[in-house]
C-alpha atoms as a PDB file:
ATOM      1  CA  ALA A   1     -22.743  -5.928 -19.490  1.00  0.00           C
ATOM      2  CA  LYS A   2     -23.019  -3.949 -16.319  1.00  0.00           C
ATOM      3  CA  ASP A   3     -19.500  -4.437 -14.930  1.00  0.00           C
ATOM      4  CA  ARG A   4     -18.551  -3.271 -18.441  1.00  0.00           C
ATOM      5  CA  ALA A   5     -20.350   0.102 -17.823  1.00  0.00           C
ATOM      6  CA  ASP A   6     -19.750   0.525 -14.318  1.00  0.00           C
ATOM      7  CA  LEU A   7     -15.796  -0.024 -15.443  1.00  0.00           C
ATOM      8  CA  GLU A   8     -16.129   2.821 -18.529  1.00  0.00           C
ATOM      9  CA  ALA A   9     -18.412   5.022 -15.834  1.00  0.00           C
ATOM     10  CA  GLY A  10     -15.515   4.595 -13.372  1.00  0.00           C
ATOM     11  CA  LEU A  11     -12.727   5.200 -16.083  1.00  0.00           C
ATOM     12  CA  GLU A  12     -14.599   8.411 -17.379  1.00  0.00           C
ATOM     13  CA  ALA A  13     -14.789   9.862 -13.789  1.00  0.00           C
ATOM     14  CA  GLY A  14     -10.866   9.257 -13.523  1.00  0.00           C
ATOM     15  CA  VAL A  15     -10.925   6.485 -10.316  1.00  0.00           C
ATOM     16  CA  ASP A  16      -7.737   5.553  -8.912  1.00  0.00           C
ATOM     17  CA  LEU A  17      -8.253   2.168  -8.060  1.00  0.00           C
ATOM     18  CA  VAL A  18     -10.787  -0.355 -10.078  1.00  0.00           C
ATOM     19  CA  ALA A  19     -11.599  -3.487  -7.881  1.00  0.00           C
ATOM     20  CA  LEU A  20     -12.397  -6.585  -9.197  1.00  0.00           C
ATOM     21  CA  SER A  21     -14.853  -9.220  -7.047  1.00  0.00           C
ATOM     22  CA  PHE A  22     -15.202 -12.857  -6.709  1.00  0.00           C
ATOM     23  CA  VAL A  23     -11.500 -13.580  -8.675  1.00  0.00           C
ATOM     24  CA  ARG A  24     -10.941 -17.271  -8.709  1.00  0.00           C
ATOM     25  CA  HIS A  25      -8.116 -17.167 -11.519  1.00  0.00           C
ATOM     26  CA  GLU A  26      -5.456 -15.114 -13.089  1.00  0.00           C
ATOM     27  CA  ARG A  27      -7.335 -15.179 -16.290  1.00  0.00           C
ATOM     28  CA  ASP A  28     -10.512 -13.870 -14.433  1.00  0.00           C
ATOM     29  CA  LEU A  29      -8.179 -10.286 -14.608  1.00  0.00           C
ATOM     30  CA  GLU A  30      -7.495 -10.270 -18.223  1.00  0.00           C
ATOM     31  CA  PRO A  31     -10.522  -8.489 -19.687  1.00  0.00           C
ATOM     32  CA  VAL A  32      -9.937  -5.508 -17.041  1.00  0.00           C
ATOM     33  CA  ARG A  33      -6.292  -5.614 -17.301  1.00  0.00           C
ATOM     34  CA  GLU A  34      -6.603  -5.573 -21.362  1.00  0.00           C
ATOM     35  CA  ARG A  35      -9.245  -2.457 -21.185  1.00  0.00           C
ATOM     36  CA  LEU A  36      -6.846  -0.451 -18.881  1.00  0.00           C
ATOM     37  CA  ARG A  37      -3.979  -0.831 -21.277  1.00  0.00           C
ATOM     38  CA  GLY A  38      -2.985   2.875 -22.743  1.00  0.00           C
ATOM     39  CA  VAL A  39      -5.445   4.597 -19.765  1.00  0.00           C
ATOM     40  CA  GLU A  40      -3.133   7.334 -18.754  1.00  0.00           C
ATOM     41  CA  PRO A  41      -3.809   8.037 -15.913  1.00  0.00           C
ATOM     42  CA  ARG A  42      -3.754   4.244 -15.368  1.00  0.00           C
ATOM     43  CA  PRO A  43      -5.982   3.036 -12.259  1.00  0.00           C
ATOM     44  CA  LEU A  44      -4.362   0.018  -9.995  1.00  0.00           C
ATOM     45  CA  LEU A  45      -6.190  -2.893 -10.731  1.00  0.00           C
ATOM     46  CA  VAL A  46      -6.932  -4.550  -7.040  1.00  0.00           C
ATOM     47  CA  ALA A  47      -8.291  -8.274  -6.854  1.00  0.00           C
ATOM     48  CA  LYS A  48     -10.484  -9.166  -4.309  1.00  0.00           C
ATOM     49  CA  ILE A  49      -9.889 -12.291  -2.527  1.00  0.00           C
ATOM     50  CA  GLU A  50     -12.769 -13.832  -1.793  1.00  0.00           C
ATOM     51  CA  LYS A  51     -13.066 -17.395  -2.718  1.00  0.00           C
ATOM     52  CA  PRO A  52     -10.740 -20.232  -1.912  1.00  0.00           C
ATOM     53  CA  GLU A  53      -9.456 -20.876  -5.899  1.00  0.00           C
ATOM     54  CA  ALA A  54      -8.012 -17.261  -5.490  1.00  0.00           C
ATOM     55  CA  VAL A  55      -6.405 -18.176  -2.138  1.00  0.00           C
ATOM     56  CA  GLU A  56      -4.801 -21.117  -3.758  1.00  0.00           C
ATOM     57  CA  ARG A  57      -3.622 -19.181  -7.015  1.00  0.00           C
ATOM     58  CA  LEU A  58      -3.123 -16.265  -4.852  1.00  0.00           C
ATOM     59  CA  GLU A  59       0.922 -16.094  -5.930  1.00  0.00           C
ATOM     60  CA  ALA A  60      -0.455 -16.214  -9.714  1.00  0.00           C
ATOM     61  CA  ILE A  61      -3.120 -13.733  -8.907  1.00  0.00           C
ATOM     62  CA  LEU A  62      -0.479 -11.357  -7.082  1.00  0.00           C
ATOM     63  CA  GLY A  63       1.646 -11.362 -10.557  1.00  0.00           C
ATOM     64  CA  CYS A  64      -1.351 -10.142 -12.501  1.00  0.00           C
ATOM     65  CA  VAL A  65      -2.621  -7.210 -10.017  1.00  0.00           C
ATOM     66  CA  ASP A  66      -1.421  -3.736  -8.474  1.00  0.00           C
ATOM     67  CA  GLY A  67      -2.977  -4.773  -5.335  1.00  0.00           C
ATOM     68  CA  VAL A  68      -5.398  -7.253  -3.441  1.00  0.00           C
ATOM     69  CA  MET A  69      -7.901  -6.999  -0.799  1.00  0.00           C
ATOM     70  CA  VAL A  70      -9.015  -9.599   1.651  1.00  0.00           C
ATOM     71  CA  ALA A  71     -12.485  -9.802   1.566  1.00  0.00           C
ATOM     72  CA  ARG A  72     -13.517 -11.417   4.900  1.00  0.00           C
ATOM     73  CA  GLY A  73     -17.452 -11.478   4.483  1.00  0.00           C
ATOM     74  CA  ASP A  74     -17.463 -13.517   1.488  1.00  0.00           C
ATOM     75  CA  LEU A  75     -14.135 -15.852   2.478  1.00  0.00           C
ATOM     76  CA  GLY A  76     -16.033 -16.408   5.371  1.00  0.00           C
ATOM     77  CA  VAL A  77     -19.300 -17.541   3.524  1.00  0.00           C
ATOM     78  CA  GLU A  78     -16.949 -19.382   0.937  1.00  0.00           C
ATOM     79  CA  MET A  79     -14.637 -21.423   3.354  1.00  0.00           C
ATOM     80  CA  ARG A  80     -14.823 -22.677   7.254  1.00  0.00           C
ATOM     81  CA  LEU A  81     -15.111 -19.710   9.529  1.00  0.00           C
ATOM     82  CA  GLU A  82     -12.147 -20.798  11.612  1.00  0.00           C
ATOM     83  CA  GLU A  83      -9.566 -20.585   8.014  1.00  0.00           C
ATOM     84  CA  VAL A  84     -10.616 -17.275   7.834  1.00  0.00           C
ATOM     85  CA  PRO A  85      -7.940 -15.621  10.276  1.00  0.00           C
ATOM     86  CA  LEU A  86      -4.731 -17.913   8.838  1.00  0.00           C
ATOM     87  CA  VAL A  87      -6.116 -17.306   5.019  1.00  0.00           C
ATOM     88  CA  GLN A  88      -5.687 -13.352   6.048  1.00  0.00           C
ATOM     89  CA  LYS A  89      -2.527 -13.675   7.139  1.00  0.00           C
ATOM     90  CA  ARG A  90      -1.544 -15.812   4.365  1.00  0.00           C
ATOM     91  CA  ILE A  91      -2.903 -13.142   1.896  1.00  0.00           C
ATOM     92  CA  ILE A  92      -1.151 -10.099   3.756  1.00  0.00           C
ATOM     93  CA  HIS A  93       2.282 -11.568   3.898  1.00  0.00           C
ATOM     94  CA  ALA A  94       2.254 -12.779   0.382  1.00  0.00           C
ATOM     95  CA  ALA A  95       1.049  -9.228  -0.916  1.00  0.00           C
ATOM     96  CA  ARG A  96       3.840  -7.370   1.252  1.00  0.00           C
ATOM     97  CA  CYS A  97       6.431 -10.074  -0.090  1.00  0.00           C
ATOM     98  CA  ALA A  98       5.380  -8.985  -3.641  1.00  0.00           C
ATOM     99  CA  GLY A  99       5.505  -4.994  -2.493  1.00  0.00           C
ATOM    100  CA  LYS A 100       1.872  -5.253  -3.702  1.00  0.00           C
ATOM    101  CA  PRO A 101      -0.755  -3.109  -1.455  1.00  0.00           C
ATOM    102  CA  VAL A 102      -2.923  -4.956   0.226  1.00  0.00           C
ATOM    103  CA  ILE A 103      -6.327  -4.028   2.017  1.00  0.00           C
ATOM    104  CA  THR A 104      -8.131  -5.722   4.478  1.00  0.00           C
ATOM    105  CA  ALA A 105     -11.911  -5.177   4.870  1.00  0.00           C
ATOM    106  CA  THR A 106     -15.536  -5.912   6.329  1.00  0.00           C
ATOM    107  CA  GLN A 107     -16.985  -5.839   9.437  1.00  0.00           C
ATOM    108  CA  MET A 108     -13.902  -4.249  11.120  1.00  0.00           C
ATOM    109  CA  LEU A 109     -16.107  -2.295  13.339  1.00  0.00           C
ATOM    110  CA  ARG A 110     -19.507  -3.587  12.487  1.00  0.00           C
ATOM    111  CA  SER A 111     -21.196  -2.380  16.190  1.00  0.00           C
ATOM    112  CA  MET A 112     -20.343   0.865  15.418  1.00  0.00           C
ATOM    113  CA  VAL A 113     -23.346   0.663  12.352  1.00  0.00           C
ATOM    114  CA  GLU A 114     -25.487   1.292  15.482  1.00  0.00           C
ATOM    115  CA  SER A 115     -23.135   1.924  18.463  1.00  0.00           C
ATOM    116  CA  PRO A 116     -20.790   5.037  19.302  1.00  0.00           C
ATOM    117  CA  ARG A 117     -17.886   2.675  20.349  1.00  0.00           C
ATOM    118  CA  PRO A 118     -16.638  -0.576  18.977  1.00  0.00           C
ATOM    119  CA  THR A 119     -16.607  -3.990  20.732  1.00  0.00           C
ATOM    120  CA  ARG A 120     -12.924  -4.763  22.606  1.00  0.00           C
ATOM    121  CA  ALA A 121     -13.279  -7.938  20.143  1.00  0.00           C
ATOM    122  CA  GLU A 122     -13.586  -5.474  17.298  1.00  0.00           C
ATOM    123  CA  ALA A 123     -10.478  -3.399  18.641  1.00  0.00           C
ATOM    124  CA  SER A 124      -8.475  -6.494  18.715  1.00  0.00           C
ATOM    125  CA  ASP A 125      -9.219  -7.491  15.369  1.00  0.00           C
ATOM    126  CA  VAL A 126      -8.237  -4.318  13.800  1.00  0.00           C
ATOM    127  CA  ALA A 127      -5.097  -4.355  15.672  1.00  0.00           C
ATOM    128  CA  ASN A 128      -4.323  -7.965  14.716  1.00  0.00           C
ATOM    129  CA  ALA A 129      -4.556  -7.130  10.847  1.00  0.00           C
ATOM    130  CA  ILE A 130      -2.253  -3.830  11.337  1.00  0.00           C
ATOM    131  CA  LEU A 131       0.378  -6.458  13.193  1.00  0.00           C
ATOM    132  CA  ASP A 132      -0.230  -8.811  10.162  1.00  0.00           C
ATOM    133  CA  GLY A 133       1.181  -6.157   7.975  1.00  0.00           C
ATOM    134  CA  THR A 134      -1.865  -4.901   6.363  1.00  0.00           C
ATOM    135  CA  ASP A 135      -1.449  -1.446   4.213  1.00  0.00           C
ATOM    136  CA  ALA A 136      -4.811  -0.501   4.730  1.00  0.00           C
ATOM    137  CA  VAL A 137      -8.100  -1.319   6.705  1.00  0.00           C
ATOM    138  CA  MET A 138     -10.877  -0.545   4.972  1.00  0.00           C
ATOM    139  CA  LEU A 139     -14.540   0.533   6.568  1.00  0.00           C
ATOM    140  CA  SER A 140     -17.735  -0.588   4.749  1.00  0.00           C
ATOM    141  CA  GLU A 141     -21.387  -0.334   6.075  1.00  0.00           C
ATOM    142  CA  GLU A 142     -19.927   1.462   9.305  1.00  0.00           C
ATOM    143  CA  THR A 143     -19.463   4.833   7.109  1.00  0.00           C
ATOM    144  CA  ALA A 144     -22.204   3.662   4.214  1.00  0.00           C
ATOM    145  CA  VAL A 145     -24.843   3.408   6.391  1.00  0.00           C
ATOM    146  CA  GLY A 146     -23.960   3.650   9.788  1.00  0.00           C
ATOM    147  CA  ALA A 147     -24.886   6.363  12.768  1.00  0.00           C
ATOM    148  CA  HIS A 148     -21.133   7.302  13.538  1.00  0.00           C
ATOM    149  CA  PRO A 149     -19.529   7.513  10.157  1.00  0.00           C
ATOM    150  CA  VAL A 150     -16.682   9.960  11.571  1.00  0.00           C
ATOM    151  CA  GLU A 151     -15.962   8.665  14.804  1.00  0.00           C
ATOM    152  CA  ALA A 152     -15.825   5.074  12.927  1.00  0.00           C
ATOM    153  CA  VAL A 153     -12.784   6.662  11.205  1.00  0.00           C
ATOM    154  CA  ARG A 154     -11.422   8.023  14.089  1.00  0.00           C
ATOM    155  CA  VAL A 155     -11.323   5.008  16.179  1.00  0.00           C
ATOM    156  CA  LEU A 156     -10.020   3.084  12.940  1.00  0.00           C
ATOM    157  CA  ASP A 157      -7.373   5.999  13.024  1.00  0.00           C
ATOM    158  CA  ARG A 158      -6.609   5.842  16.724  1.00  0.00           C
ATOM    159  CA  ILE A 159      -6.019   2.084  16.620  1.00  0.00           C
ATOM    160  CA  ALA A 160      -3.555   1.849  14.256  1.00  0.00           C
ATOM    161  CA  ARG A 161      -1.283   4.922  15.487  1.00  0.00           C
ATOM    162  CA  ALA A 162      -1.517   2.989  18.713  1.00  0.00           C
ATOM    163  CA  VAL A 163      -0.210  -0.318  17.170  1.00  0.00           C
ATOM    164  CA  GLU A 164       2.252   0.602  14.030  1.00  0.00           C
ATOM    165  CA  PRO A 165       5.071   1.048  16.409  1.00  0.00           C
ATOM    166  CA  HIS A 166       4.809  -2.621  17.440  1.00  0.00           C
ATOM    167  CA  LEU A 167       5.631  -3.665  13.917  1.00  0.00           C
ATOM    168  CA  PRO A 168       8.389  -6.564  13.867  1.00  0.00           C
ATOM    169  CA  TRP A 169       9.825  -4.299  10.800  1.00  0.00           C
ATOM    170  CA  ARG A 170      13.256  -5.532  11.793  1.00  0.00           C
ATOM    171  CA  ARG A 171      12.247  -9.288  10.926  1.00  0.00           C
ATOM    172  CA  TYR A 172      10.629  -7.372   7.997  1.00  0.00           C
ATOM    173  CA  LEU A 173      14.091  -6.608   6.894  1.00  0.00           C
ATOM    174  CA  GLU A 174      16.062  -9.675   7.487  1.00  0.00           C
ATOM    175  CA  GLU A 175      13.210 -11.438   5.502  1.00  0.00           C
ATOM    176  CA  VAL A 176      14.191 -12.078   1.589  1.00  0.00           C
ATOM    177  CA  PRO A 177      10.929 -11.090  -0.488  1.00  0.00           C
ATOM    178  CA  GLU A 178      10.727 -11.667  -3.813  1.00  0.00           C
ATOM    179  CA  MET A 179      10.047  -8.948  -6.296  1.00  0.00           C
ATOM    180  CA  GLY A 180       9.807 -11.087  -9.486  1.00  0.00           C
ATOM    181  CA  GLU A 181      11.611  -9.245 -12.242  1.00  0.00           C
ATOM    182  CA  ARG A 182      13.188  -6.296 -10.123  1.00  0.00           C
ATOM    183  CA  PRO A 183      15.889  -7.732  -7.658  1.00  0.00           C
ATOM    184  CA  VAL A 184      17.517  -4.490  -8.218  1.00  0.00           C
ATOM    185  CA  THR A 185      14.709  -2.389  -6.740  1.00  0.00           C
ATOM    186  CA  ALA A 186      14.224  -5.128  -3.981  1.00  0.00           C
ATOM    187  CA  ALA A 187      17.695  -5.072  -3.001  1.00  0.00           C
ATOM    188  CA  VAL A 188      18.071  -1.120  -3.219  1.00  0.00           C
ATOM    189  CA  SER A 189      14.945  -0.337  -1.424  1.00  0.00           C
ATOM    190  CA  ARG A 190      16.228  -2.872   1.556  1.00  0.00           C
ATOM    191  CA  ALA A 191      19.442  -1.365   1.689  1.00  0.00           C
ATOM    192  CA  ALA A 192      17.783   2.059   2.123  1.00  0.00           C
ATOM    193  CA  CYS A 193      15.775   0.893   5.124  1.00  0.00           C
ATOM    194  CA  GLY A 194      18.473  -0.567   6.730  1.00  0.00           C
ATOM    195  CA  LEU A 195      20.521   2.357   5.903  1.00  0.00           C
ATOM    196  CA  ALA A 196      17.720   4.513   7.521  1.00  0.00           C
ATOM    197  CA  ARG A 197      18.093   2.574  10.705  1.00  0.00           C
ATOM    198  CA  ASP A 198      21.501   2.757  11.078  1.00  0.00           C
ATOM    199  CA  VAL A 199      21.809   6.571  10.364  1.00  0.00           C
ATOM    200  CA  GLY A 200      19.023   7.314  12.269  1.00  0.00           C
ATOM    201  CA  ALA A 201      17.060   9.189   9.466  1.00  0.00           C
ATOM    202  CA  ALA A 202      14.019  11.067  10.426  1.00  0.00           C
ATOM    203  CA  ALA A 203      12.786   9.515   7.091  1.00  0.00           C
ATOM    204  CA  ILE A 204      13.227   8.343   3.252  1.00  0.00           C
ATOM    205  CA  VAL A 205      12.514   9.485   0.594  1.00  0.00           C
ATOM    206  CA  ALA A 206      11.652   7.704  -2.843  1.00  0.00           C
ATOM    207  CA  SER A 207      11.708   9.647  -5.916  1.00  0.00           C
ATOM    208  CA  THR A 208       9.304   7.686  -8.153  1.00  0.00           C
ATOM    209  CA  THR A 209       7.433   7.871 -11.435  1.00  0.00           C
ATOM    210  CA  SER A 210       5.105   4.865 -11.567  1.00  0.00           C
ATOM    211  CA  GLY A 211       5.083   4.652  -7.467  1.00  0.00           C
ATOM    212  CA  ALA A 212       6.968   1.261  -7.473  1.00  0.00           C
ATOM    213  CA  THR A 213      10.173   2.823  -5.730  1.00  0.00           C
ATOM    214  CA  ALA A 214       8.051   3.865  -2.626  1.00  0.00           C
ATOM    215  CA  ARG A 215       5.759   0.975  -2.485  1.00  0.00           C
ATOM    216  CA  ALA A 216       9.105  -1.552  -2.638  1.00  0.00           C
ATOM    217  CA  VAL A 217      10.412   0.569   0.462  1.00  0.00           C
ATOM    218  CA  ALA A 218       7.060   0.335   2.135  1.00  0.00           C
ATOM    219  CA  ARG A 219       7.043  -3.245   1.981  1.00  0.00           C
ATOM    220  CA  PHE A 220       9.223  -3.601   4.962  1.00  0.00           C
ATOM    221  CA  ARG A 221       7.088  -1.117   7.073  1.00  0.00           C
ATOM    222  CA  PRO A 222       9.864   1.031   7.937  1.00  0.00           C
ATOM    223  CA  PRO A 223       9.326   3.042  11.643  1.00  0.00           C
ATOM    224  CA  VAL A 224       9.919   6.722   9.702  1.00  0.00           C
ATOM    225  CA  PRO A 225       7.702   8.174   6.816  1.00  0.00           C
ATOM    226  CA  VAL A 226       8.266   6.988   3.521  1.00  0.00           C
ATOM    227  CA  VAL A 227       8.060  10.300   1.556  1.00  0.00           C
ATOM    228  CA  ALA A 228       7.331   9.976  -2.124  1.00  0.00           C
ATOM    229  CA  LEU A 229       8.298  12.571  -4.635  1.00  0.00           C
ATOM    230  CA  THR A 230       6.485  11.774  -7.936  1.00  0.00           C
ATOM    231  CA  PRO A 231       5.534  13.980 -11.208  1.00  0.00           C
ATOM    232  CA  SER A 232       2.238  12.411 -11.224  1.00  0.00           C
ATOM    233  CA  GLU A 233      -0.915  13.809  -8.898  1.00  0.00           C
ATOM    234  CA  ALA A 234      -2.606  10.120 -10.121  1.00  0.00           C
ATOM    235  CA  VAL A 235       0.493   8.219  -8.674  1.00  0.00           C
ATOM    236  CA  ALA A 236       0.234  10.517  -5.277  1.00  0.00           C
ATOM    237  CA  ARG A 237      -3.166   9.923  -4.712  1.00  0.00           C
ATOM    238  CA  GLN A 238      -2.639   6.000  -5.729  1.00  0.00           C
ATOM    239  CA  LEU A 239       0.116   5.926  -3.167  1.00  0.00           C
ATOM    240  CA  ALA A 240      -2.371   6.869  -0.308  1.00  0.00           C
ATOM    241  CA  VAL A 241      -3.259   2.930  -0.162  1.00  0.00           C
ATOM    242  CA  SER A 242       0.163   1.668   0.548  1.00  0.00           C
ATOM    243  CA  TRP A 243       1.822   1.805   4.306  1.00  0.00           C
ATOM    244  CA  GLY A 244       3.197   4.718   5.238  1.00  0.00           C
ATOM    245  CA  VAL A 245       3.482   6.434   2.437  1.00  0.00           C
ATOM    246  CA  GLU A 246       3.109  10.371   2.198  1.00  0.00           C
ATOM    247  CA  ALA A 247       3.295  11.601  -1.232  1.00  0.00           C
ATOM    248  CA  ALA A 248       3.920  14.971  -2.912  1.00  0.00           C
ATOM    249  CA  VAL A 249       3.806  15.987  -6.304  1.00  0.00           C
ATOM    250  CA  VAL A 250       7.353  17.896  -7.638  1.00  0.00           C
ATOM    251  CA  GLU A 251       7.578  18.152 -11.264  1.00  0.00           C
ATOM    252  CA  GLY A 252      10.902  18.608 -13.408  1.00  0.00           C
ATOM    253  CA  LEU A 253      13.509  16.818 -11.904  1.00  0.00           C
ATOM    254  CA  ARG A 254      16.245  16.164 -14.323  1.00  0.00           C
ATOM    255  CA  SER A 255      19.391  15.244 -12.041  1.00  0.00           C
ATOM    256  CA  ALA A 256      20.315  13.501  -8.379  1.00  0.00           C
ATOM    257  CA  GLU A 257      21.406  17.097  -7.479  1.00  0.00           C
ATOM    258  CA  GLU A 258      17.769  18.576  -8.148  1.00  0.00           C
ATOM    259  CA  MET A 259      16.169  15.305  -6.314  1.00  0.00           C
ATOM    260  CA  PHE A 260      18.170  15.822  -3.579  1.00  0.00           C
ATOM    261  CA  ALA A 261      17.606  19.427  -3.117  1.00  0.00           C
ATOM    262  CA  ALA A 262      13.686  18.906  -3.787  1.00  0.00           C
ATOM    263  CA  ALA A 263      13.605  16.287  -1.030  1.00  0.00           C
ATOM    264  CA  GLU A 264      15.264  18.856   1.456  1.00  0.00           C
ATOM    265  CA  ARG A 265      12.913  21.422   0.767  1.00  0.00           C
ATOM    266  CA  HIS A 266       9.933  19.280   1.226  1.00  0.00           C
ATOM    267  CA  LEU A 267      11.166  18.011   4.652  1.00  0.00           C
ATOM    268  CA  LEU A 268      12.082  21.365   6.082  1.00  0.00           C
ATOM    269  CA  ARG A 269       8.455  22.295   5.045  1.00  0.00           C
ATOM    270  CA  GLN A 270       6.897  19.220   7.014  1.00  0.00           C
ATOM    271  CA  GLY A 271       8.765  19.790  10.095  1.00  0.00           C
ATOM    272  CA  VAL A 272      12.371  17.762   9.991  1.00  0.00           C
ATOM    273  CA  GLU A 273      14.992  19.964  11.312  1.00  0.00           C
ATOM    274  CA  LYS A 274      18.434  21.117  10.028  1.00  0.00           C
ATOM    275  CA  GLY A 275      21.202  18.749  10.993  1.00  0.00           C
ATOM    276  CA  GLN A 276      18.666  15.412  10.857  1.00  0.00           C
ATOM    277  CA  ARG A 277      19.356  12.940   8.113  1.00  0.00           C
ATOM    278  CA  ALA A 278      16.995  11.520   5.419  1.00  0.00           C
ATOM    279  CA  VAL A 279      17.670   8.488   2.920  1.00  0.00           C
ATOM    280  CA  VAL A 280      17.045   9.048  -0.356  1.00  0.00           C
ATOM    281  CA  THR A 281      16.213   6.200  -3.187  1.00  0.00           C
ATOM    282  CA  ALA A 282      15.732   6.479  -6.309  1.00  0.00           C
ATOM    283  CA  GLY A 283      16.413   5.915  -9.995  1.00  0.00           C
ATOM    284  CA  LEU A 284      19.000   7.478 -12.256  1.00  0.00           C
ATOM    285  CA  PRO A 285      18.313   8.866 -14.678  1.00  0.00           C
ATOM    286  CA  PRO A 286      14.957  10.583 -13.168  1.00  0.00           C
ATOM    287  CA  GLY A 287      11.921   9.664 -14.849  1.00  0.00           C
ATOM    288  CA  VAL A 288      12.413   5.973 -15.777  1.00  0.00           C
ATOM    289  CA  PRO A 289       9.914   3.863 -14.515  1.00  0.00           C
ATOM    290  CA  GLY A 290      11.022   0.823 -12.890  1.00  0.00           C
ATOM    291  CA  GLY A 291      14.853   2.042 -12.608  1.00  0.00           C
ATOM    292  CA  THR A 292      15.464   1.963  -9.054  1.00  0.00           C
ATOM    293  CA  ASN A 293      19.306   2.003  -8.739  1.00  0.00           C
ATOM    294  CA  LEU A 294      20.611   4.608  -6.287  1.00  0.00           C
ATOM    295  CA  VAL A 295      20.457   5.020  -2.162  1.00  0.00           C
ATOM    296  CA  HIS A 296      21.942   8.419  -0.702  1.00  0.00           C
ATOM    297  CA  VAL A 297      21.963   9.753   2.726  1.00  0.00           C
ATOM    298  CA  LEU A 298      21.016  13.261   2.597  1.00  0.00           C
ATOM    299  CA  GLU A 299      22.133  15.730   5.750  1.00  0.00           C
ATOM    300  CA  LEU A 300      19.570  18.666   5.878  1.00  0.00           C
END
């Protein structure tokens, strides 16, 4: 009853994300999925993977949610400690292949609850989660009750910025991750990333109604920013959890020409110089969720 009351309070407050704890089976998600049907804007549904049964049912659970969280604290209690790092890698890989955001959480910088500096082991742990391909790293007690919350965020940011250029994105591009019922979106997003590499693009622009196009591109972890143009403020906020995505709210795009013009205006405002290239991916006609079918090289 308390969980239901908490969910209702969150929906009333307009939350962007709902996380469900101790998921064992995809059917555990159905009551929340049912409640979220028809809610506009709809929050992302995230399953916290913290039970061995959830790890066994991982692919089925991924098919029912918008993202997952690697909840390492409870995973470490529920299974042998030495298994947790390998399970973390498996969850991150499966989520990335499915085009679903994955958040790695718990004890990222635990010593910073008291200390102004993390241990070297913690810095390596954060770096390895990023090298595994996680979309987001999340602090818990470090910012909730810790003595150095702002510095903890700064440290996390510094580590991420140092590590991200070394992600094996070329290998990601050669992989053939499945994306369920969206083979065209998968193919077009891969083509956009390969094209960005080949033409030396400064950015990849994804025009997206639901956020799916931007997430499909982000799963390849390209080494240039993924700029999402969306008419929805809620979708723009939700995309903050996806790797490398910078979202901007742009309304009223009715044609490819308007989309290209909006992309150019935004990139020039963000400091991309005239003469540089960007790759634009979107669906035509605009505004139809899940219809990604276009990739275009834009000369600024």
